[in-house]
C-alpha cells in the first residue's frame, strides 16, 4: 500500500472516530434531557389531572423500572448486533414516548409514555456509554470516562432548565418541548448511520438476552465497594427529578417554573462542571471529594429547607450536584480502563442497573410515604439516608487502595 493510501486511511479513521464521538455525545445529552424535561411539568400535571402525590412519583419510577428490566435483558445487545441498530431503535422508541407525553391527558397515558421512555433509555444507556469508550482517542486515555460522566449531567441540566423556561414563557409549553424532542430523536435515529460501526456482529445474541448480571472477576470487588457511592449519587438525582419541583414550590413557596427547573439544572449542571474540573485528578481523589460533597451538600440543603430559603436551597443543591457528578465520574475513571472492548456494554449495563435502582426505588418509597408524613419529613428522611450512604462510600474508598 502506498504512503498516500495509508495516510488517507488514517485520516478517514480519525474523521470517523471524531464523528462517532460527536454523535454519541449528542445522543446521550438528548436522551438525558428527555429524562429530566418532564419533571417541571409534574406539579401542574398533578393539579390539572387531579392526581395524588404517589401517582406522580410512580409515573417517575416506572421509567426507572422499565429501564432496569431492559438493561437486564438487552443491556449487552449492541455487543452482538452492533451499536448503530440499537441506537436507531432506541431513538425511535424515545420519539414515540415524547409524542405520548405531549398529548397526555390522563395518568394512564403518562405511565405509557414513561414506560416506553424507560425501555428506550435502557437500550441506549449501555450502548452509548460503550460507544463513547469505543471512540476514545488513543492520544487521550481516560477521556471516555470524562464524557460518560459529564454528558448525562449536561443533558439533565438542559432538559430541566429548558422545560422550566418554556413553562414560564409559553402558553403551550408541552407541545414546544416534546415536539422538539420528537424531531431531534428522529434525526439522531437516522444520523447515527453516519458514524462508523465499532461493534461487529458476532454470535451469542440469544444467550445474551437471558436476564443476568455479569461482571468480570477482575473488577467485582471494586464494583462492590463502589456501589454505595453510585447509590447515594443517583438516589439524590432521583429525589430532585421526582420531588424537586414540588419541594421548591410547596415547601419554599417559589412558584416560578424557572426556579423549579433550576432545582434540577443546578444539580446536574454543577455535576457536569465538577466532573470536567476533576478530569486530571486521580480517580480516588475525585471519588472522595464526590462522596464528601454529597454528604455535606445534602446537610446544607436540609438546613436551607428548615430555614425556608429558596436561595440557600439552590446554593446547597449546587454543592450536592458537584458531589453527584464527581462521585460517579471517579468510579468510571477507575473501572473503564479495566474493561476489554467486548465486555463494555455488559459492564455498563450493570453499573446503570445499580444507578437506576437508586434512581427509582427510593423515589417510589418517598411518594408512598409523603401523603402520610408530609413532604418535609419525607425529604429529611431521604436526605439522612443519602448522608449515611455517602459517608459510608467515602470511608470505603478512603480505606481502599484502588
Protein backbone atom coordinates (compact mmCIF):
# COMPACT_ATOMS: atom_id res chain seq x y z
CA UNK A 1 0.00 0.00 0.00
CA UNK A 2 1.32 3.43 -0.95
CA UNK A 3 2.13 6.12 1.58
CA UNK A 4 -0.73 8.21 0.19
CA UNK A 5 -3.20 5.37 0.69
CA UNK A 6 -2.02 4.76 4.25
CA UNK A 7 -2.34 8.47 5.03
CA UNK A 8 -5.83 8.57 3.54
CA UNK A 9 -6.92 5.54 5.55
CA UNK A 10 -5.55 7.06 8.75
CA UNK A 11 -7.30 10.36 8.06
CA UNK A 12 -10.60 8.57 7.39
CA UNK A 13 -10.25 6.66 10.65
CA UNK A 14 -9.60 9.85 12.62
CA UNK A 15 -12.56 11.63 10.99
CA UNK A 16 -14.79 8.62 11.62
CA UNK A 17 -13.76 8.44 15.27
CA UNK A 18 -14.44 12.14 15.81
CA UNK A 19 -17.79 11.97 14.02
CA UNK A 20 -18.80 8.90 16.01
CA UNK A 21 -17.81 10.53 19.29
CA UNK A 22 -19.83 13.65 18.40
CA UNK A 23 -22.93 11.61 17.51
CA UNK A 24 -22.65 9.54 20.71
CA UNK A 25 -22.23 12.70 22.79
CA UNK A 26 -25.27 14.39 21.21
CA UNK A 27 -27.31 11.21 21.71
CA UNK A 28 -26.51 10.98 25.44
CA UNK A 29 -27.30 14.66 26.00
CA UNK A 30 -30.64 14.34 24.18
CA UNK A 31 -31.62 11.13 25.97
CA UNK A 32 -30.92 12.62 29.40
CA UNK A 33 -32.58 15.94 28.52
CA UNK A 34 -35.67 13.89 27.72
CA UNK A 35 -35.37 12.17 31.11
CA UNK A 36 -35.45 15.45 33.06
CA UNK A 37 -37.75 17.53 30.82
CA UNK A 38 -40.98 16.05 32.28
CA UNK A 39 -40.04 16.92 35.88
CA UNK A 40 -41.00 20.64 35.85
CA UNK A 41 -44.38 19.64 34.40
CA UNK A 42 -45.24 17.28 37.27
CA UNK A 43 -46.72 19.82 39.74
CA UNK A 44 -49.07 21.30 37.10
CA UNK A 45 -50.00 17.87 35.78
CA UNK A 46 -50.79 16.66 39.28
CA UNK A 47 -53.16 19.58 39.82
CA UNK A 48 -54.61 19.55 36.31
CA UNK A 49 -55.34 15.83 36.26
CA UNK A 50 -56.33 15.61 39.93
CA UNK A 51 -53.65 13.06 40.83
CA UNK A 52 -52.31 12.04 44.23
CA UNK A 53 -48.61 12.69 45.02
CA UNK A 54 -47.81 8.98 44.97
CA UNK A 55 -49.11 8.76 41.39
CA UNK A 56 -46.59 11.33 40.20
CA UNK A 57 -43.66 9.58 41.86
CA UNK A 58 -44.94 6.29 40.44
CA UNK A 59 -45.01 7.88 36.98
CA UNK A 60 -41.38 8.83 37.57
CA UNK A 61 -40.49 5.42 38.95
CA UNK A 62 -41.97 3.25 36.18
CA UNK A 63 -39.41 4.87 33.89
CA UNK A 64 -36.63 3.52 36.09
CA UNK A 65 -38.27 0.07 36.38
CA UNK A 66 -38.73 -0.25 32.61
CA UNK A 67 -35.15 0.89 32.11
CA UNK A 68 -33.83 -1.67 34.59
CA UNK A 69 -35.75 -4.56 33.02
CA UNK A 70 -34.50 -3.55 29.59
CA UNK A 71 -30.92 -3.33 30.83
CA UNK A 72 -31.18 -6.81 32.37
CA UNK A 73 -32.49 -8.31 29.14
CA UNK A 74 -30.90 -6.18 26.43
CA UNK A 75 -28.02 -4.36 28.05
CA UNK A 76 -25.39 -6.18 26.01
CA UNK A 77 -27.33 -6.50 22.72
CA UNK A 78 -25.12 -3.94 20.98
CA UNK A 79 -22.06 -6.10 21.71
CA UNK A 80 -23.63 -8.68 19.35
CA UNK A 81 -25.62 -6.78 16.68
CA UNK A 82 -23.67 -3.52 16.58
CA UNK A 83 -24.11 -0.12 18.17
CA UNK A 84 -25.92 1.63 15.30
CA UNK A 85 -29.01 -0.62 15.01
CA UNK A 86 -29.62 -0.44 18.76
CA UNK A 87 -29.25 3.36 18.83
CA UNK A 88 -31.72 3.69 15.94
CA UNK A 89 -34.34 1.51 17.63
CA UNK A 90 -33.79 3.31 20.92
CA UNK A 91 -34.38 6.76 19.48
CA UNK A 92 -37.44 5.67 17.52
CA UNK A 93 -38.94 4.40 20.77
CA UNK A 94 -37.87 7.60 22.51
CA UNK A 95 -39.62 9.70 19.86
CA UNK A 96 -42.80 7.70 20.49
CA UNK A 97 -42.58 8.33 24.24
CA UNK A 98 -42.18 12.08 23.75
CA UNK A 99 -45.21 12.13 21.43
CA UNK A 100 -47.28 10.35 24.11
CA UNK A 101 -46.17 12.77 26.79
CA UNK A 102 -47.00 15.77 24.63
CA UNK A 103 -50.65 14.70 24.41
CA UNK A 104 -51.02 13.04 27.82
CA UNK A 105 -54.47 13.74 29.29
CA UNK A 106 -54.60 11.01 31.94
CA UNK A 107 -52.40 9.10 34.34
CA UNK A 108 -52.58 6.04 32.07
CA UNK A 109 -51.02 7.92 29.15
CA UNK A 110 -48.33 9.33 31.44
CA UNK A 111 -47.48 5.81 32.58
CA UNK A 112 -47.36 4.59 28.96
CA UNK A 113 -45.07 7.47 27.97
CA UNK A 114 -42.64 6.88 30.81
CA UNK A 115 -42.57 3.09 30.37
CA UNK A 116 -41.74 3.49 26.68
CA UNK A 117 -39.11 6.05 27.57
CA UNK A 118 -37.61 3.65 30.09
CA UNK A 119 -37.38 0.84 27.53
CA UNK A 120 -35.72 3.20 25.05
CA UNK A 121 -33.27 4.52 27.63
CA UNK A 122 -32.42 1.00 28.77
CA UNK A 123 -31.37 0.14 25.22
CA UNK A 124 -29.45 3.37 24.80
CA UNK A 125 -27.61 3.78 28.10
CA UNK A 126 -25.15 0.92 27.93
CA UNK A 127 -24.89 1.15 24.13
CA UNK A 128 -24.00 4.85 24.06
CA UNK A 129 -21.66 4.56 27.04
CA UNK A 130 -19.84 1.72 25.28
CA UNK A 131 -19.77 3.70 22.02
CA UNK A 132 -18.11 6.66 23.71
CA UNK A 133 -15.47 4.31 25.09
CA UNK A 134 -15.07 2.80 21.60
CA UNK A 135 -14.44 6.23 20.09
CA UNK A 136 -11.95 7.36 22.73
CA UNK A 137 -8.85 8.91 21.14
CA UNK A 138 -5.72 6.81 21.79
CA UNK A 139 -3.86 10.05 22.49
CA UNK A 140 -6.34 10.98 25.26
CA UNK A 141 -6.74 7.97 27.55
CA UNK A 142 -9.45 8.49 30.13
CA UNK A 143 -11.42 10.96 28.01
CA UNK A 144 -14.27 8.45 27.58
CA UNK A 145 -14.80 8.36 31.34
CA UNK A 146 -14.94 12.18 31.38
CA UNK A 147 -17.53 12.21 28.59
CA UNK A 148 -19.57 9.41 30.15
CA UNK A 149 -19.76 11.39 33.40
CA UNK A 150 -20.24 14.90 32.01
CA UNK A 151 -22.66 14.29 29.11
CA UNK A 152 -25.54 12.80 31.17
CA UNK A 153 -25.29 15.68 33.65
CA UNK A 154 -25.37 18.24 30.84
CA UNK A 155 -28.45 16.57 29.40
CA UNK A 156 -30.26 16.51 32.74
CA UNK A 157 -29.47 20.19 33.29
CA UNK A 158 -30.58 21.25 29.81
CA UNK A 159 -33.84 19.30 29.99
CA UNK A 160 -34.84 20.67 33.39
CA UNK A 161 -33.95 24.31 32.72
CA UNK A 162 -35.38 24.48 29.18
CA UNK A 163 -38.64 22.90 30.31
CA UNK A 164 -38.88 25.36 33.22
CA UNK A 165 -38.27 28.35 30.93
CA UNK A 166 -40.83 27.07 28.41
CA UNK A 167 -43.43 26.65 31.15
CA UNK A 168 -42.84 30.20 32.33
CA UNK A 169 -42.77 31.86 28.90
CA UNK A 170 -45.05 29.86 26.59
CA UNK A 171 -48.71 29.01 26.68
CA UNK A 172 -48.26 25.60 25.06
CA UNK A 173 -45.00 24.58 26.70
CA UNK A 174 -45.63 20.84 26.45
CA UNK A 175 -46.02 21.00 22.68
CA UNK A 176 -42.90 23.12 22.29
CA UNK A 177 -40.72 20.94 24.50
CA UNK A 178 -41.87 17.49 23.46
CA UNK A 179 -42.44 18.11 19.74
CA UNK A 180 -38.85 19.40 19.63
CA UNK A 181 -37.65 16.26 21.40
CA UNK A 182 -39.55 14.09 18.89
CA UNK A 183 -37.88 15.79 15.93
CA UNK A 184 -34.40 15.62 17.45
CA UNK A 185 -34.85 11.94 18.33
CA UNK A 186 -35.83 11.08 14.76
CA UNK A 187 -32.82 12.98 13.43
CA UNK A 188 -30.49 11.03 15.70
CA UNK A 189 -32.13 7.72 14.81
CA UNK A 190 -31.06 8.38 11.21
CA UNK A 191 -27.88 10.34 11.90
CA UNK A 192 -26.18 7.53 13.82
CA UNK A 193 -25.60 5.75 10.48
CA UNK A 194 -23.16 8.50 9.51
CA UNK A 195 -20.82 7.22 12.22
CA UNK A 196 -18.68 4.09 11.81
CA UNK A 197 -19.74 0.84 13.47
CA UNK A 198 -17.47 -0.19 16.34
CA UNK A 199 -19.05 -3.49 17.41
CA UNK A 200 -19.12 -6.03 14.56
CA UNK A 201 -21.85 -8.67 14.66
CA UNK A 202 -20.99 -11.94 16.34
CA UNK A 203 -22.77 -14.94 17.78
CA UNK A 204 -24.34 -15.19 21.21
CA UNK A 205 -27.23 -12.76 20.84
CA UNK A 206 -29.97 -15.11 22.09
CA UNK A 207 -27.87 -16.20 25.05
CA UNK A 208 -27.20 -12.55 25.92
CA UNK A 209 -30.96 -11.91 26.25
CA UNK A 210 -31.20 -14.07 29.36
CA UNK A 211 -31.56 -11.73 32.36
CA UNK A 212 -28.29 -11.80 34.24
CA UNK A 213 -25.71 -9.64 35.92
CA UNK A 214 -22.24 -10.50 34.68
CA UNK A 215 -19.17 -8.67 35.95
CA UNK A 216 -15.59 -9.66 35.03
CA UNK A 217 -13.83 -11.15 38.08
CA UNK A 218 -11.10 -8.50 37.93
CA UNK A 219 -13.48 -5.67 38.85
CA UNK A 220 -16.06 -7.41 41.05
CA UNK A 221 -14.55 -6.27 44.32
CA UNK A 222 -14.06 -2.73 43.05
CA UNK A 223 -17.64 -2.50 41.80
CA UNK A 224 -18.98 -3.82 45.11
CA UNK A 225 -17.01 -1.16 47.02
CA UNK A 226 -18.24 1.49 44.57
CA UNK A 227 -21.93 0.59 44.88
CA UNK A 228 -22.67 2.83 47.92
CA UNK A 229 -21.27 5.89 46.11
CA UNK A 230 -23.26 5.10 42.97
CA UNK A 231 -26.39 4.54 45.02
CA UNK A 232 -26.04 7.74 47.06
CA UNK A 233 -25.44 9.90 43.99
CA UNK A 234 -28.25 8.53 41.87
CA UNK A 235 -30.70 8.41 44.79
CA UNK A 236 -30.06 12.14 45.13
CA UNK A 237 -30.79 12.57 41.43
CA UNK A 238 -34.00 10.60 41.82
CA UNK A 239 -35.14 12.83 44.66
CA UNK A 240 -34.68 16.02 42.67
CA UNK A 241 -36.20 14.71 39.45
CA UNK A 242 -39.27 13.25 41.15
CA UNK A 243 -39.92 15.69 44.01
CA UNK A 244 -37.53 18.60 43.44
CA UNK A 245 -40.04 20.87 41.71
CA UNK A 246 -42.68 20.10 44.37
CA UNK A 247 -40.22 20.88 47.19
CA UNK A 248 -39.34 24.26 45.69
CA UNK A 249 -42.98 25.10 45.01
CA UNK A 250 -44.68 23.73 48.13
CA UNK A 251 -42.08 23.97 50.87
CA UNK A 252 -40.16 27.07 49.76
CA UNK A 253 -43.01 28.99 48.13
CA UNK A 254 -41.21 29.54 44.81
CA UNK A 255 -44.00 29.46 42.21
CA UNK A 256 -41.77 30.37 39.24
CA UNK A 257 -41.35 27.44 36.86
CA UNK A 258 -37.86 28.71 36.06
CA UNK A 259 -36.80 28.37 39.69
CA UNK A 260 -38.35 24.90 39.80
CA UNK A 261 -36.40 23.95 36.67
CA UNK A 262 -33.23 25.37 38.22
CA UNK A 263 -33.57 22.94 41.11
CA UNK A 264 -32.84 20.23 38.54
CA UNK A 265 -30.49 22.26 36.34
CA UNK A 266 -28.33 23.41 39.25
CA UNK A 267 -27.85 19.83 40.46
CA UNK A 268 -26.91 18.37 37.08
CA UNK A 269 -25.11 21.43 35.71
CA UNK A 270 -22.79 21.73 38.69
CA UNK A 271 -22.20 17.98 38.44
CA UNK A 272 -21.08 18.32 34.84
CA UNK A 273 -18.76 21.24 35.62
CA UNK A 274 -17.26 19.47 38.62
CA UNK A 275 -16.62 16.26 36.70
CA UNK A 276 -14.84 18.23 33.99
CA UNK A 277 -12.84 20.21 36.55
CA UNK A 278 -11.65 16.95 38.15
CA UNK A 279 -10.70 15.35 34.82
CA UNK A 280 -6.96 15.45 35.63
CA UNK A 281 -7.27 14.40 39.26
CA UNK A 282 -6.89 10.82 40.40
CA UNK A 283 -9.95 8.59 40.47
CA UNK A 284 -9.54 8.14 44.23
CA UNK A 285 -9.36 11.88 44.97
CA UNK A 286 -12.34 12.50 42.70
CA UNK A 287 -14.50 9.91 44.42
CA UNK A 288 -13.51 11.11 47.89
CA UNK A 289 -14.47 14.67 47.01
CA UNK A 290 -17.73 13.48 45.45
CA UNK A 291 -18.88 11.50 48.46
CA UNK A 292 -17.92 14.34 50.83
CA UNK A 293 -19.81 16.92 48.74
CA UNK A 294 -22.85 14.66 48.55
CA UNK A 295 -22.98 14.31 52.33
CA UNK A 296 -22.14 17.93 53.16
CA UNK A 297 -24.34 19.43 50.45
CA UNK A 298 -27.31 17.32 51.48
CA UNK A 299 -26.98 18.54 55.07
CA UNK A 300 -26.87 22.13 53.78
CA UNK A 301 -29.98 21.56 51.64
CA UNK A 302 -31.91 20.27 54.65
CA UNK A 303 -30.83 23.29 56.70
CA UNK A 304 -31.95 25.60 53.87
CA UNK A 305 -35.29 23.82 53.78
CA UNK A 306 -35.62 24.27 57.53
CA UNK A 307 -34.87 27.99 57.11
CA UNK A 308 -37.33 28.30 54.24
CA UNK A 309 -34.78 29.97 51.95
CA UNK A 310 -35.07 29.14 48.25
CA UNK A 311 -31.76 30.91 47.53
CA UNK A 312 -29.85 28.98 50.17
CA UNK A 313 -31.50 25.78 48.95
CA UNK A 314 -30.31 26.33 45.35
CA UNK A 315 -26.77 27.05 46.60
CA UNK A 316 -26.85 23.80 48.58
CA UNK A 317 -28.13 21.97 45.51
CA UNK A 318 -25.07 23.19 43.60
CA UNK A 319 -22.81 21.68 46.28
CA UNK A 320 -24.78 18.40 46.14
CA UNK A 321 -24.51 18.45 42.34
CA UNK A 322 -20.72 18.67 42.41
CA UNK A 323 -20.79 15.52 44.53
CA UNK A 324 -23.28 13.80 42.23
CA UNK A 325 -21.04 14.40 39.22
CA UNK A 326 -17.66 13.63 40.73
CA UNK A 327 -18.64 10.54 42.74
CA UNK A 328 -19.91 8.83 39.60
CA UNK A 329 -17.02 10.14 37.49
CA UNK A 330 -14.41 8.85 39.92
CA UNK A 331 -15.90 5.38 39.75
CA UNK A 332 -15.97 5.42 35.95
CA UNK A 333 -12.37 6.64 35.88
CA UNK A 334 -11.40 3.60 37.92
CA UNK A 335 -13.44 0.96 36.07
CA UNK A 336 -13.45 1.95 32.38
CA UNK A 337 -9.69 1.46 31.75
CA UNK A 338 -10.01 -2.12 33.03
CA UNK A 339 -12.70 -3.14 30.51
CA UNK A 340 -11.94 -5.00 27.27
CA UNK A 341 -13.99 -3.77 24.30
CA UNK A 342 -16.18 -6.88 24.06
CA UNK A 343 -17.36 -6.52 27.69
CA UNK A 344 -18.03 -2.77 27.78
CA UNK A 345 -21.77 -2.71 27.12
CA UNK A 346 -22.39 -5.56 29.56
CA UNK A 347 -20.46 -3.90 32.40
CA UNK A 348 -22.02 -0.51 31.74
CA UNK A 349 -25.38 -2.26 31.95
CA UNK A 350 -24.51 -3.50 35.45
CA UNK A 351 -23.34 -0.03 36.53
CA UNK A 352 -26.57 1.54 35.31
CA UNK A 353 -28.69 -1.18 36.92
CA UNK A 354 -27.25 -0.13 40.28
CA UNK A 355 -27.68 3.54 39.33
CA UNK A 356 -31.31 3.26 38.33
CA UNK A 357 -32.28 1.08 41.25
CA UNK A 358 -31.08 4.01 43.34
CA UNK A 359 -32.80 6.43 40.99
CA UNK A 360 -36.23 4.80 41.17
CA UNK A 361 -36.77 2.73 44.32
CA UNK A 362 -36.24 5.49 46.93
CA UNK A 363 -38.42 7.85 44.86
CA UNK A 364 -41.28 5.34 44.91
CA UNK A 365 -40.95 4.92 48.68
CA UNK A 366 -40.89 8.70 49.09
CA UNK A 367 -44.04 9.05 47.01
CA UNK A 368 -45.85 6.44 49.07
CA UNK A 369 -45.00 7.91 52.46
CA UNK A 370 -45.39 11.60 51.57
CA UNK A 371 -49.22 11.64 51.94
CA UNK A 372 -48.88 10.12 55.42
CA UNK A 373 -45.96 12.10 56.89
CA UNK A 374 -45.71 15.15 54.63
CA UNK A 375 -43.20 16.28 52.03
CA UNK A 376 -40.88 17.97 54.53
CA UNK A 377 -40.49 14.92 56.77
CA UNK A 378 -40.02 12.69 53.73
CA UNK A 379 -37.29 14.96 52.39
CA UNK A 380 -35.46 14.99 55.74
CA UNK A 381 -35.56 11.19 55.96
CA UNK A 382 -34.45 10.82 52.35
CA UNK A 383 -31.60 13.26 52.94
CA UNK A 384 -30.46 11.40 56.03
CA UNK A 385 -30.19 8.18 54.04
CA UNK A 386 -28.13 9.95 51.36
CA UNK A 387 -25.78 11.36 54.03
CA UNK A 388 -25.23 7.93 55.60
CA UNK A 389 -24.63 6.23 52.25
CA UNK A 390 -22.27 8.97 51.08
CA UNK A 391 -20.25 8.82 54.29
CA UNK A 392 -20.04 5.02 54.06
CA UNK A 393 -18.93 5.22 50.43
CA UNK A 394 -16.25 7.78 51.26
CA UNK A 395 -14.95 5.64 54.11
CA UNK A 396 -14.77 2.56 51.89
CA UNK A 397 -12.82 4.45 49.22
CA UNK A 398 -10.53 6.01 51.83
CA UNK A 399 -9.61 2.58 53.16
CA UNK A 400 -9.09 1.01 49.71
CA UNK A 401 -6.03 1.32 47.51
CA UNK A 402 -7.94 1.29 44.20
